[in-house]
């Protein structure tokens, strides 16, 4: 064992991440567009999700980046059921178009399968949608599990999505 092993300090790491996010949030659009793809997408996604939550005006480009980012965050964290049962699911009907507009056509097809497995027209009200989810047949859950297996198996998904979203953001810089 080394004499001075580096100790992993999660608190320090989290503080550094939060500090970086705070600094990135203050960047101008021109400065933001110079960031590496992941930081660019993360910053625009956070800005956009805050605007959505607070019902503030948001451009179509910023909304598309935020919606797609929220989908991936929710599915990565807890699957399609989590996405549909949380506030990002309020925008479920808008997400298909967002995926197409940012150029994620394969992901669009997967999302359409997930949405199509839902036996109801999804409510935009989170509480009503949760009630709908509680009565969802096991067949829907089975479809979602299969889709999630494919989703998680794609080891290139994260970098591919970041690249697509970053390219889309840079192409729509005037809207950010």
N, C-alpha and C. Protein backbone atom coordinates (compact mmCIF):
# COMPACT_ATOMS: atom_id res chain seq x y z
N UNK A 1 0.84 -1.17 0.00
CA UNK A 1 0.00 0.00 0.00
C UNK A 1 0.89 1.24 0.00
N UNK A 2 0.56 2.23 -0.88
CA UNK A 2 1.38 3.44 -0.94
C UNK A 2 1.37 4.19 0.39
N UNK A 3 2.44 4.93 0.65
CA UNK A 3 2.54 5.68 1.89
C UNK A 3 1.50 6.80 1.97
N UNK A 4 1.25 7.47 0.86
CA UNK A 4 0.30 8.59 0.83
C UNK A 4 -0.80 8.34 -0.21
N UNK A 5 -1.63 7.36 0.02
CA UNK A 5 -2.68 7.12 -0.98
C UNK A 5 -3.61 8.32 -1.05
N UNK A 6 -4.01 8.66 -2.25
CA UNK A 6 -4.94 9.78 -2.39
C UNK A 6 -6.30 9.33 -1.89
N UNK A 7 -6.83 10.11 -0.99
CA UNK A 7 -8.12 9.81 -0.42
C UNK A 7 -9.20 10.44 -1.29
N UNK A 8 -10.20 9.65 -1.61
CA UNK A 8 -11.31 10.17 -2.38
C UNK A 8 -12.19 10.97 -1.45
N UNK A 9 -12.39 12.22 -1.78
CA UNK A 9 -13.19 13.10 -0.95
C UNK A 9 -14.40 13.55 -1.78
N UNK A 10 -15.52 12.87 -1.57
CA UNK A 10 -16.73 13.15 -2.34
C UNK A 10 -17.23 14.57 -2.11
N UNK A 11 -17.13 15.06 -0.90
CA UNK A 11 -17.60 16.41 -0.59
C UNK A 11 -16.82 17.44 -1.39
N UNK A 12 -15.51 17.29 -1.44
CA UNK A 12 -14.68 18.22 -2.20
C UNK A 12 -15.02 18.15 -3.68
N UNK A 13 -15.18 16.95 -4.18
CA UNK A 13 -15.52 16.77 -5.58
C UNK A 13 -16.86 17.43 -5.91
N UNK A 14 -17.86 17.20 -5.09
CA UNK A 14 -19.17 17.82 -5.31
C UNK A 14 -19.11 19.34 -5.23
N UNK A 15 -18.36 19.85 -4.26
CA UNK A 15 -18.20 21.31 -4.15
C UNK A 15 -17.55 21.88 -5.40
N UNK A 16 -16.54 21.19 -5.92
CA UNK A 16 -15.87 21.64 -7.14
C UNK A 16 -16.83 21.62 -8.33
N UNK A 17 -17.65 20.58 -8.41
CA UNK A 17 -18.63 20.49 -9.50
C UNK A 17 -19.65 21.61 -9.41
N UNK A 18 -20.14 21.88 -8.22
CA UNK A 18 -21.12 22.96 -8.04
C UNK A 18 -20.50 24.32 -8.37
N UNK A 19 -19.25 24.50 -7.96
CA UNK A 19 -18.55 25.76 -8.25
C UNK A 19 -18.38 25.94 -9.76
N UNK A 20 -18.05 24.85 -10.45
CA UNK A 20 -17.90 24.92 -11.91
C UNK A 20 -19.23 25.26 -12.56
N UNK A 21 -20.32 24.66 -12.08
CA UNK A 21 -21.65 24.97 -12.63
C UNK A 21 -22.02 26.43 -12.40
N UNK A 22 -21.72 26.94 -11.21
CA UNK A 22 -22.02 28.34 -10.92
C UNK A 22 -21.22 29.26 -11.86
N UNK A 23 -19.97 28.93 -12.09
CA UNK A 23 -19.14 29.74 -12.99
C UNK A 23 -19.67 29.65 -14.42
N UNK A 24 -20.02 28.44 -14.87
CA UNK A 24 -20.54 28.27 -16.22
C UNK A 24 -21.86 29.00 -16.42
N UNK A 25 -22.67 29.06 -15.39
CA UNK A 25 -23.98 29.73 -15.48
C UNK A 25 -23.83 31.22 -15.75
N UNK A 26 -22.69 31.80 -15.44
CA UNK A 26 -22.46 33.23 -15.61
C UNK A 26 -21.85 33.57 -16.97
N UNK A 27 -21.53 32.56 -17.76
CA UNK A 27 -20.87 32.80 -19.04
C UNK A 27 -21.82 33.43 -20.05
N UNK A 28 -21.25 34.25 -20.91
CA UNK A 28 -22.02 34.78 -22.04
C UNK A 28 -22.23 33.64 -23.04
N UNK A 29 -23.12 33.86 -23.99
CA UNK A 29 -23.36 32.83 -25.00
C UNK A 29 -22.08 32.54 -25.78
N UNK A 30 -21.33 33.57 -26.14
CA UNK A 30 -20.08 33.38 -26.88
C UNK A 30 -19.08 32.53 -26.09
N UNK A 31 -18.97 32.80 -24.78
CA UNK A 31 -18.07 32.02 -23.93
C UNK A 31 -18.59 30.59 -23.76
N UNK A 32 -19.89 30.47 -23.62
CA UNK A 32 -20.52 29.16 -23.44
C UNK A 32 -20.25 28.25 -24.63
N UNK A 33 -20.34 28.80 -25.83
CA UNK A 33 -20.16 28.00 -27.04
C UNK A 33 -18.74 27.47 -27.21
N UNK A 34 -17.79 28.02 -26.46
CA UNK A 34 -16.40 27.55 -26.52
C UNK A 34 -16.14 26.38 -25.57
N UNK A 35 -17.09 26.08 -24.71
CA UNK A 35 -16.91 24.99 -23.75
C UNK A 35 -16.88 23.64 -24.45
N UNK A 36 -16.28 22.64 -23.82
CA UNK A 36 -16.38 21.27 -24.34
C UNK A 36 -17.85 20.84 -24.38
N UNK A 37 -18.16 19.92 -25.26
CA UNK A 37 -19.55 19.52 -25.50
C UNK A 37 -20.33 19.24 -24.23
N UNK A 38 -19.78 18.41 -23.34
CA UNK A 38 -20.55 18.01 -22.16
C UNK A 38 -20.89 19.21 -21.28
N UNK A 39 -19.93 20.10 -21.06
CA UNK A 39 -20.20 21.28 -20.22
C UNK A 39 -21.18 22.23 -20.89
N UNK A 40 -21.07 22.38 -22.20
CA UNK A 40 -22.00 23.22 -22.95
C UNK A 40 -23.42 22.69 -22.79
N UNK A 41 -23.60 21.40 -23.04
CA UNK A 41 -24.93 20.78 -22.96
C UNK A 41 -25.47 20.82 -21.54
N UNK A 42 -24.62 20.53 -20.58
CA UNK A 42 -25.05 20.55 -19.18
C UNK A 42 -25.51 21.94 -18.77
N UNK A 43 -24.77 22.95 -19.16
CA UNK A 43 -25.11 24.32 -18.77
C UNK A 43 -26.40 24.78 -19.43
N UNK A 44 -26.54 24.53 -20.73
CA UNK A 44 -27.77 24.93 -21.42
C UNK A 44 -28.95 24.13 -20.87
N UNK A 45 -28.73 22.84 -20.62
CA UNK A 45 -29.80 22.01 -20.07
C UNK A 45 -30.27 22.50 -18.72
N UNK A 46 -29.33 22.87 -17.85
CA UNK A 46 -29.69 23.39 -16.53
C UNK A 46 -30.42 24.73 -16.62
N UNK A 47 -29.90 25.62 -17.47
CA UNK A 47 -30.57 26.91 -17.66
C UNK A 47 -31.99 26.70 -18.17
N UNK A 48 -32.12 25.84 -19.15
CA UNK A 48 -33.43 25.58 -19.74
C UNK A 48 -34.39 24.91 -18.77
N UNK A 49 -33.91 23.96 -18.01
CA UNK A 49 -34.80 23.26 -17.07
C UNK A 49 -35.27 24.21 -15.98
N UNK A 50 -34.41 25.16 -15.56
CA UNK A 50 -34.84 26.17 -14.59
C UNK A 50 -35.92 27.07 -15.17
N UNK A 51 -35.73 27.49 -16.41
CA UNK A 51 -36.73 28.33 -17.05
C UNK A 51 -38.06 27.59 -17.17
N UNK A 52 -38.00 26.32 -17.54
CA UNK A 52 -39.24 25.54 -17.64
C UNK A 52 -39.93 25.43 -16.28
N UNK A 53 -39.15 25.11 -15.25
CA UNK A 53 -39.71 24.95 -13.91
C UNK A 53 -40.34 26.23 -13.40
N UNK A 54 -39.73 27.36 -13.75
CA UNK A 54 -40.22 28.66 -13.28
C UNK A 54 -41.20 29.30 -14.27
N UNK A 55 -41.50 28.57 -15.36
CA UNK A 55 -42.42 29.06 -16.39
C UNK A 55 -41.96 30.39 -16.99
N UNK A 56 -40.65 30.49 -17.20
CA UNK A 56 -40.07 31.68 -17.81
C UNK A 56 -39.98 31.49 -19.32
N UNK A 57 -39.92 32.59 -20.07
CA UNK A 57 -39.76 32.46 -21.53
C UNK A 57 -38.49 31.67 -21.86
N UNK A 58 -38.61 30.84 -22.90
CA UNK A 58 -37.48 30.01 -23.30
C UNK A 58 -37.53 29.84 -24.82
N UNK A 59 -36.36 29.90 -25.44
CA UNK A 59 -36.32 29.72 -26.90
C UNK A 59 -36.53 28.24 -27.22
N UNK A 60 -36.90 28.00 -28.45
CA UNK A 60 -37.12 26.61 -28.89
C UNK A 60 -35.82 25.80 -28.78
N UNK A 61 -34.70 26.39 -29.18
CA UNK A 61 -33.42 25.68 -29.12
C UNK A 61 -33.05 25.32 -27.69
N UNK A 62 -33.19 26.28 -26.78
CA UNK A 62 -32.86 26.02 -25.38
C UNK A 62 -33.80 24.97 -24.79
N UNK A 63 -35.07 25.05 -25.17
CA UNK A 63 -36.05 24.08 -24.68
C UNK A 63 -35.73 22.68 -25.21
N UNK A 64 -35.37 22.57 -26.47
CA UNK A 64 -35.03 21.26 -27.03
C UNK A 64 -33.86 20.64 -26.30
N UNK A 65 -32.82 21.43 -26.05
CA UNK A 65 -31.65 20.91 -25.33
C UNK A 65 -32.06 20.50 -23.91
N UNK A 66 -32.85 21.32 -23.25
CA UNK A 66 -33.28 21.00 -21.88
C UNK A 66 -34.13 19.73 -21.86
N UNK A 67 -35.09 19.61 -22.77
CA UNK A 67 -35.98 18.44 -22.77
C UNK A 67 -35.21 17.15 -23.02
N UNK A 68 -34.34 17.18 -24.01
CA UNK A 68 -33.56 15.97 -24.32
C UNK A 68 -32.63 15.64 -23.16
N UNK A 69 -32.01 16.65 -22.57
CA UNK A 69 -31.13 16.41 -21.41
C UNK A 69 -31.90 15.80 -20.25
N UNK A 70 -33.11 16.32 -20.00
CA UNK A 70 -33.92 15.80 -18.90
C UNK A 70 -34.34 14.35 -19.16
N UNK A 71 -34.67 14.04 -20.40
CA UNK A 71 -35.03 12.65 -20.73
C UNK A 71 -33.88 11.71 -20.37
N UNK A 72 -32.68 12.03 -20.83
CA UNK A 72 -31.54 11.15 -20.58
C UNK A 72 -31.20 11.07 -19.10
N UNK A 73 -31.29 12.18 -18.41
CA UNK A 73 -31.00 12.16 -16.97
C UNK A 73 -32.00 11.27 -16.23
N UNK A 74 -33.27 11.41 -16.55
CA UNK A 74 -34.30 10.61 -15.86
C UNK A 74 -34.19 9.14 -16.20
N UNK A 75 -34.04 8.82 -17.49
CA UNK A 75 -33.96 7.41 -17.89
C UNK A 75 -32.69 6.78 -17.33
N UNK A 76 -31.58 7.50 -17.36
CA UNK A 76 -30.34 6.96 -16.78
C UNK A 76 -30.49 6.71 -15.28
N UNK A 77 -31.26 7.52 -14.62
CA UNK A 77 -31.40 7.43 -13.18
C UNK A 77 -32.44 6.41 -12.73
N UNK A 78 -33.53 6.26 -13.49
CA UNK A 78 -34.60 5.38 -13.03
C UNK A 78 -35.51 4.83 -14.10
N UNK A 79 -35.13 4.97 -15.35
CA UNK A 79 -35.92 4.39 -16.43
C UNK A 79 -37.04 5.29 -16.92
N UNK A 80 -37.79 4.75 -17.88
CA UNK A 80 -38.88 5.52 -18.48
C UNK A 80 -39.99 5.81 -17.47
N UNK A 81 -40.23 4.89 -16.57
CA UNK A 81 -41.26 5.15 -15.55
C UNK A 81 -40.91 6.39 -14.73
N UNK A 82 -39.63 6.56 -14.41
CA UNK A 82 -39.22 7.74 -13.66
C UNK A 82 -39.40 8.99 -14.51
N UNK A 83 -39.02 8.92 -15.77
CA UNK A 83 -39.20 10.09 -16.64
C UNK A 83 -40.67 10.50 -16.69
N UNK A 84 -41.54 9.55 -16.96
CA UNK A 84 -42.95 9.88 -17.11
C UNK A 84 -43.60 10.32 -15.80
N UNK A 85 -43.09 9.83 -14.66
CA UNK A 85 -43.73 10.17 -13.38
C UNK A 85 -43.21 11.46 -12.76
N UNK A 86 -42.11 12.00 -13.26
CA UNK A 86 -41.57 13.24 -12.73
C UNK A 86 -41.93 14.43 -13.63
N UNK A 87 -41.60 15.61 -13.18
CA UNK A 87 -41.99 16.82 -13.91
C UNK A 87 -41.51 16.88 -15.36
N UNK A 88 -40.35 16.31 -15.74
CA UNK A 88 -40.01 16.32 -17.16
C UNK A 88 -41.05 15.62 -18.04
N UNK A 89 -41.79 14.68 -17.46
CA UNK A 89 -42.85 14.02 -18.21
C UNK A 89 -43.97 14.96 -18.62
N UNK A 90 -44.02 16.15 -18.01
CA UNK A 90 -45.01 17.16 -18.42
C UNK A 90 -44.84 17.50 -19.90
N UNK A 91 -43.64 17.30 -20.40
CA UNK A 91 -43.30 17.68 -21.77
C UNK A 91 -43.18 16.47 -22.70
N UNK A 92 -43.76 15.35 -22.29
CA UNK A 92 -43.62 14.10 -23.05
C UNK A 92 -44.06 14.25 -24.50
N UNK A 93 -45.14 14.99 -24.72
CA UNK A 93 -45.64 15.14 -26.09
C UNK A 93 -44.72 16.01 -26.95
N UNK A 94 -43.93 16.87 -26.34
CA UNK A 94 -43.02 17.74 -27.09
C UNK A 94 -41.65 17.10 -27.35
N UNK A 95 -41.35 16.06 -26.61
CA UNK A 95 -40.02 15.49 -26.65
C UNK A 95 -39.69 14.80 -27.97
N UNK A 96 -40.66 14.15 -28.58
CA UNK A 96 -40.40 13.47 -29.85
C UNK A 96 -39.87 14.45 -30.89
N UNK A 97 -40.52 15.60 -31.00
CA UNK A 97 -40.08 16.61 -31.94
C UNK A 97 -38.69 17.13 -31.58
N UNK A 98 -38.44 17.32 -30.29
CA UNK A 98 -37.12 17.79 -29.85
C UNK A 98 -36.03 16.80 -30.26
N UNK A 99 -36.28 15.51 -30.07
CA UNK A 99 -35.30 14.49 -30.47
C UNK A 99 -35.02 14.55 -31.96
N UNK A 100 -36.06 14.72 -32.75
CA UNK A 100 -35.88 14.83 -34.21
C UNK A 100 -35.10 16.08 -34.58
N UNK A 101 -35.47 17.19 -33.98
CA UNK A 101 -34.82 18.45 -34.34
C UNK A 101 -33.34 18.48 -33.98
N UNK A 102 -32.94 17.77 -32.93
CA UNK A 102 -31.51 17.75 -32.59
C UNK A 102 -30.78 16.64 -33.33
N UNK A 103 -31.50 15.84 -34.10
CA UNK A 103 -30.86 14.83 -34.94
C UNK A 103 -30.66 13.47 -34.30
N UNK A 104 -31.40 13.18 -33.24
CA UNK A 104 -31.27 11.88 -32.57
C UNK A 104 -32.40 10.95 -33.02
N UNK A 105 -32.36 10.56 -34.30
CA UNK A 105 -33.47 9.79 -34.87
C UNK A 105 -33.61 8.39 -34.28
N UNK A 106 -32.50 7.72 -33.98
CA UNK A 106 -32.61 6.39 -33.36
C UNK A 106 -33.23 6.50 -31.97
N UNK A 107 -32.84 7.50 -31.24
CA UNK A 107 -33.40 7.72 -29.91
C UNK A 107 -34.87 8.13 -30.00
N UNK A 108 -35.20 8.88 -31.05
CA UNK A 108 -36.59 9.24 -31.31
C UNK A 108 -37.43 7.97 -31.46
N UNK A 109 -36.94 7.01 -32.23
CA UNK A 109 -37.68 5.75 -32.45
C UNK A 109 -37.87 5.01 -31.13
N UNK A 110 -36.83 4.96 -30.31
CA UNK A 110 -36.93 4.29 -29.01
C UNK A 110 -37.93 5.02 -28.11
N UNK A 111 -37.88 6.33 -28.12
CA UNK A 111 -38.79 7.11 -27.30
C UNK A 111 -40.24 6.90 -27.78
N UNK A 112 -40.44 6.87 -29.07
CA UNK A 112 -41.78 6.63 -29.62
C UNK A 112 -42.31 5.26 -29.17
N UNK A 113 -41.43 4.26 -29.11
CA UNK A 113 -41.84 2.94 -28.60
C UNK A 113 -42.25 3.04 -27.13
N UNK A 114 -41.48 3.76 -26.34
CA UNK A 114 -41.79 3.92 -24.91
C UNK A 114 -43.11 4.65 -24.73
N UNK A 115 -43.30 5.70 -25.49
CA UNK A 115 -44.53 6.48 -25.40
C UNK A 115 -45.71 5.67 -25.92
N UNK A 116 -45.49 4.92 -27.00
CA UNK A 116 -46.55 4.11 -27.60
C UNK A 116 -47.00 2.96 -26.71
N UNK A 117 -46.14 2.53 -25.80
CA UNK A 117 -46.50 1.44 -24.89
C UNK A 117 -47.45 1.91 -23.80
N UNK A 118 -47.53 3.21 -23.62
CA UNK A 118 -48.40 3.77 -22.60
C UNK A 118 -49.84 3.70 -23.11
N UNK A 119 -50.75 3.12 -22.35
CA UNK A 119 -52.10 2.87 -22.87
C UNK A 119 -53.03 4.09 -22.87
N UNK A 120 -52.60 5.23 -22.37
CA UNK A 120 -53.45 6.41 -22.27
C UNK A 120 -52.80 7.58 -23.01
N UNK A 121 -53.60 8.60 -23.24
CA UNK A 121 -53.03 9.88 -23.63
C UNK A 121 -52.45 10.44 -22.35
N UNK A 122 -51.16 10.72 -22.38
CA UNK A 122 -50.49 11.18 -21.17
C UNK A 122 -50.97 12.56 -20.74
N UNK A 123 -51.29 12.67 -19.49
CA UNK A 123 -51.67 13.95 -18.91
C UNK A 123 -50.43 14.82 -18.77
N UNK A 124 -50.62 16.12 -18.89
CA UNK A 124 -49.51 17.05 -18.64
C UNK A 124 -49.46 17.43 -17.17
N UNK A 125 -50.44 16.99 -16.40
CA UNK A 125 -50.46 17.22 -14.95
C UNK A 125 -49.74 16.05 -14.28
N UNK A 126 -48.70 16.34 -13.51
CA UNK A 126 -47.86 15.28 -12.94
C UNK A 126 -48.64 14.34 -12.02
N UNK A 127 -49.54 14.87 -11.20
CA UNK A 127 -50.29 14.00 -10.28
C UNK A 127 -51.24 13.09 -11.05
N UNK A 128 -51.92 13.63 -12.03
CA UNK A 128 -52.82 12.81 -12.85
C UNK A 128 -52.02 11.76 -13.63
N UNK A 129 -50.85 12.16 -14.12
CA UNK A 129 -50.00 11.22 -14.87
C UNK A 129 -49.50 10.11 -13.96
N UNK A 130 -49.16 10.44 -12.71
CA UNK A 130 -48.74 9.40 -11.76
C UNK A 130 -49.88 8.42 -11.50
N UNK A 131 -51.09 8.93 -11.43
CA UNK A 131 -52.25 8.05 -11.26
C UNK A 131 -52.40 7.14 -12.49
N UNK A 132 -52.19 7.70 -13.66
CA UNK A 132 -52.23 6.90 -14.89
C UNK A 132 -51.15 5.81 -14.84
N UNK A 133 -49.96 6.19 -14.38
CA UNK A 133 -48.86 5.22 -14.30
C UNK A 133 -49.17 4.10 -13.33
N UNK A 134 -49.84 4.43 -12.22
CA UNK A 134 -50.19 3.40 -11.24
C UNK A 134 -51.11 2.34 -11.83
N UNK A 135 -51.89 2.71 -12.84
CA UNK A 135 -52.81 1.75 -13.45
C UNK A 135 -52.28 1.19 -14.77
N UNK A 136 -51.00 1.42 -15.04
CA UNK A 136 -50.40 0.94 -16.28
C UNK A 136 -50.26 -0.57 -16.24
N UNK A 137 -50.65 -1.25 -17.32
CA UNK A 137 -50.53 -2.72 -17.33
C UNK A 137 -49.08 -3.18 -17.32
N UNK A 138 -48.88 -4.39 -16.86
CA UNK A 138 -47.52 -4.95 -16.78
C UNK A 138 -46.88 -5.05 -18.16
N UNK A 139 -47.68 -5.14 -19.20
CA UNK A 139 -47.14 -5.19 -20.57
C UNK A 139 -46.33 -3.93 -20.86
N UNK A 140 -46.83 -2.78 -20.42
CA UNK A 140 -46.12 -1.51 -20.63
C UNK A 140 -44.78 -1.53 -19.91
N UNK A 141 -44.79 -1.97 -18.66
CA UNK A 141 -43.55 -2.05 -17.89
C UNK A 141 -42.55 -2.98 -18.57
N UNK A 142 -43.04 -4.06 -19.15
CA UNK A 142 -42.17 -4.99 -19.87
C UNK A 142 -41.54 -4.35 -21.09
N UNK A 143 -42.31 -3.58 -21.83
CA UNK A 143 -41.77 -2.87 -23.00
C UNK A 143 -40.71 -1.88 -22.54
N UNK A 144 -41.01 -1.15 -21.46
CA UNK A 144 -40.04 -0.17 -20.97
C UNK A 144 -38.76 -0.85 -20.51
N UNK A 145 -38.87 -1.99 -19.83
CA UNK A 145 -37.65 -2.71 -19.38
C UNK A 145 -36.80 -3.12 -20.57
N UNK A 146 -37.44 -3.60 -21.63
CA UNK A 146 -36.69 -4.01 -22.82
C UNK A 146 -36.01 -2.82 -23.46
N UNK A 147 -36.71 -1.71 -23.55
CA UNK A 147 -36.13 -0.49 -24.12
C UNK A 147 -34.99 0.03 -23.25
N UNK A 148 -35.17 -0.02 -21.93
CA UNK A 148 -34.11 0.42 -21.02
C UNK A 148 -32.87 -0.46 -21.15
N UNK A 149 -33.06 -1.76 -21.37
CA UNK A 149 -31.91 -2.64 -21.58
C UNK A 149 -31.12 -2.20 -22.79
N UNK A 150 -31.82 -1.88 -23.87
CA UNK A 150 -31.15 -1.39 -25.08
C UNK A 150 -30.50 -0.04 -24.82
N UNK A 151 -31.20 0.81 -24.10
CA UNK A 151 -30.69 2.15 -23.77
C UNK A 151 -29.38 2.04 -22.99
N UNK A 152 -29.37 1.23 -21.93
CA UNK A 152 -28.19 1.11 -21.07
C UNK A 152 -27.05 0.36 -21.76
N UNK A 153 -27.38 -0.51 -22.72
CA UNK A 153 -26.35 -1.28 -23.41
C UNK A 153 -25.53 -0.44 -24.37
N UNK A 154 -26.08 0.68 -24.80
CA UNK A 154 -25.40 1.55 -25.75
C UNK A 154 -24.36 2.40 -25.00
N UNK A 155 -23.14 1.93 -24.97
CA UNK A 155 -22.08 2.60 -24.20
C UNK A 155 -21.64 3.93 -24.84
N UNK A 156 -21.98 4.13 -26.09
CA UNK A 156 -21.61 5.37 -26.78
C UNK A 156 -22.71 6.43 -26.69
N UNK A 157 -23.85 6.08 -26.10
CA UNK A 157 -25.01 6.98 -26.09
C UNK A 157 -24.68 8.35 -25.50
N UNK A 158 -24.05 8.38 -24.35
CA UNK A 158 -23.80 9.64 -23.67
C UNK A 158 -22.97 10.59 -24.54
N UNK A 159 -21.88 10.11 -25.10
CA UNK A 159 -21.04 10.99 -25.92
C UNK A 159 -21.75 11.35 -27.22
N UNK A 160 -22.51 10.42 -27.80
CA UNK A 160 -23.26 10.69 -29.03
C UNK A 160 -24.32 11.77 -28.79
N UNK A 161 -25.02 11.67 -27.67
CA UNK A 161 -26.06 12.65 -27.34
C UNK A 161 -25.42 14.01 -27.07
N UNK A 162 -24.34 14.04 -26.30
CA UNK A 162 -23.65 15.32 -26.05
C UNK A 162 -23.19 15.96 -27.35
N UNK A 163 -22.65 15.16 -28.26
CA UNK A 163 -22.18 15.70 -29.54
C UNK A 163 -23.35 16.27 -30.35
N UNK A 164 -24.45 15.53 -30.40
CA UNK A 164 -25.62 16.00 -31.16
C UNK A 164 -26.20 17.27 -30.56
N UNK A 165 -26.35 17.28 -29.23
CA UNK A 165 -26.91 18.46 -28.57
C UNK A 165 -25.98 19.67 -28.69
N UNK A 166 -24.68 19.45 -28.57
CA UNK A 166 -23.72 20.55 -28.70
C UNK A 166 -23.72 21.10 -30.12
N UNK A 167 -23.75 20.24 -31.11
CA UNK A 167 -23.80 20.70 -32.51
C UNK A 167 -25.09 21.48 -32.76
N UNK A 168 -26.19 20.98 -32.23
CA UNK A 168 -27.47 21.67 -32.37
C UNK A 168 -27.41 23.05 -31.69
N UNK A 169 -26.88 23.10 -30.47
CA UNK A 169 -26.78 24.37 -29.74
C UNK A 169 -25.92 25.36 -30.50
N UNK A 170 -24.79 24.90 -31.01
CA UNK A 170 -23.90 25.81 -31.74
C UNK A 170 -24.56 26.30 -33.04
N UNK A 171 -25.33 25.44 -33.67
CA UNK A 171 -26.03 25.84 -34.90
C UNK A 171 -27.17 26.81 -34.62
N UNK A 172 -27.67 26.81 -33.38
CA UNK A 172 -28.77 27.69 -32.99
C UNK A 172 -28.32 28.70 -31.93
N UNK A 173 -27.07 29.11 -32.01
CA UNK A 173 -26.49 30.00 -31.00
C UNK A 173 -27.27 31.29 -30.83
N UNK A 174 -27.85 31.80 -31.88
CA UNK A 174 -28.61 33.05 -31.79
C UNK A 174 -29.83 32.92 -30.90
N UNK A 175 -30.30 31.69 -30.68
CA UNK A 175 -31.50 31.45 -29.85
C UNK A 175 -31.15 31.21 -28.39
N UNK A 176 -29.88 31.12 -28.07
CA UNK A 176 -29.51 30.77 -26.69
C UNK A 176 -29.38 31.98 -25.80
